[in-house]
Protein backbone atom coordinates (compact mmCIF):
# COMPACT_ATOMS: atom_id res chain seq x y z
CA UNK A 1 6.03 -9.72 1.50
CA UNK A 2 8.48 -6.93 0.73
CA UNK A 3 11.85 -7.78 2.28
CA UNK A 4 14.58 -9.60 0.39
CA UNK A 5 15.61 -11.32 3.62
CA UNK A 6 12.14 -12.90 3.79
CA UNK A 7 11.77 -13.78 0.11
CA UNK A 8 15.18 -15.30 -0.67
CA UNK A 9 15.04 -18.17 1.90
CA UNK A 10 11.57 -19.15 0.72
CA UNK A 11 12.74 -19.36 -2.87
CA UNK A 12 15.83 -21.32 -1.85
CA UNK A 13 13.71 -23.76 0.21
CA UNK A 14 11.50 -24.26 -2.85
CA UNK A 15 14.54 -25.40 -4.83
CA UNK A 16 15.39 -22.24 -6.74
CA UNK A 17 19.06 -21.37 -7.13
CA UNK A 18 19.49 -18.41 -9.47
CA UNK A 19 17.55 -15.70 -7.64
CA UNK A 20 17.19 -12.06 -8.61
CA UNK A 21 15.31 -9.65 -6.31
CA UNK A 22 14.93 -5.96 -7.04
CA UNK A 23 13.15 -3.24 -5.08
CA UNK A 24 11.86 -0.37 -7.23
CA UNK A 25 10.96 2.93 -5.57
CA UNK A 26 8.54 5.41 -7.12
CA UNK A 27 6.05 8.04 -6.02
CA UNK A 28 2.27 7.81 -5.93
CA UNK A 29 0.59 11.08 -6.91
CA UNK A 30 -3.05 11.84 -6.20
CA UNK A 31 -4.71 15.21 -6.94
CA UNK A 32 -5.77 15.57 -3.28
CA UNK A 33 -5.41 13.74 0.01
CA UNK A 34 -9.21 13.72 0.21
CA UNK A 35 -9.49 11.75 -3.06
CA UNK A 36 -6.83 9.33 -1.86
CA UNK A 37 -8.61 8.79 1.47
CA UNK A 38 -11.91 8.21 -0.33
CA UNK A 39 -10.31 5.70 -2.67
CA UNK A 40 -8.57 3.84 0.14
CA UNK A 41 -11.71 3.57 2.24
CA UNK A 42 -14.38 3.05 -0.45
CA UNK A 43 -12.22 0.97 -2.76
CA UNK A 44 -10.29 -0.99 -0.19
CA UNK A 45 -10.91 -4.32 1.45
CA UNK A 46 -11.65 -2.57 4.73
CA UNK A 47 -14.87 -0.93 3.45
CA UNK A 48 -16.90 -4.12 3.95
CA UNK A 49 -15.54 -4.52 7.49
CA UNK A 50 -16.39 -0.94 8.43
CA UNK A 51 -19.91 -1.31 7.03
CA UNK A 52 -20.44 -4.52 8.98
CA UNK A 53 -19.28 -3.01 12.28
CA UNK A 54 -20.64 0.52 12.04
CA UNK A 55 -21.40 2.20 8.69
CA UNK A 56 -21.65 5.56 10.44
CA UNK A 57 -17.86 5.46 10.93
CA UNK A 58 -17.11 5.67 7.19
CA UNK A 59 -17.16 9.48 6.92
CA UNK A 60 -15.23 9.89 10.17
CA UNK A 61 -12.57 7.43 9.03
CA UNK A 62 -12.24 9.21 5.68
CA UNK A 63 -11.83 12.55 7.47
CA UNK A 64 -9.20 11.26 9.85
CA UNK A 65 -7.33 9.49 7.05
CA UNK A 66 -7.41 12.62 4.88
CA UNK A 67 -5.94 14.64 7.76
CA UNK A 68 -3.15 12.11 8.34
CA UNK A 69 -2.34 11.84 4.64
CA UNK A 70 -2.32 15.65 4.25
CA UNK A 71 0.03 16.09 7.19
CA UNK A 72 2.40 13.40 6.01
CA UNK A 73 2.34 13.75 2.22
CA UNK A 74 0.69 17.09 1.40
CA UNK A 75 -2.93 18.04 0.73
CA UNK A 76 -2.88 18.85 -2.99
CA UNK A 77 -1.27 17.21 -4.72
CA UNK A 78 -0.60 14.35 -2.36
CA UNK A 79 2.72 12.73 -3.21
CA UNK A 80 3.68 9.59 -1.29
CA UNK A 81 6.59 7.19 -1.71
CA UNK A 82 5.78 3.66 -2.77
CA UNK A 83 7.79 0.63 -3.79
CA UNK A 84 7.48 -2.79 -5.35
CA UNK A 85 9.64 -5.88 -5.03
CA UNK A 86 10.21 -7.98 -8.13
CA UNK A 87 11.57 -11.49 -7.85
CA UNK A 88 12.83 -13.86 -10.52
CA UNK A 89 14.12 -17.33 -9.82
CA UNK A 90 15.18 -20.36 -11.87
CA UNK A 91 15.46 -24.04 -10.99
């Protein structure tokens, strides 16, 4: 969940009144798009699913993901925007 418009009503429905929501933007930096793709595939929740369906797809998926990441965020270093939403609420 990353939108204030989604979070605030849920907190209000739960009985919170003083609500503070802040979105913080930063950049994620990885030495290469290839390392990022490897980390996302091998270290992500999707790895198990890929292995169950067709383990031969893993290298192909990494290659395609590396290409997409390189095109969008640069090959080396790969610098991508990221953000986090922090919420505080009091009853």
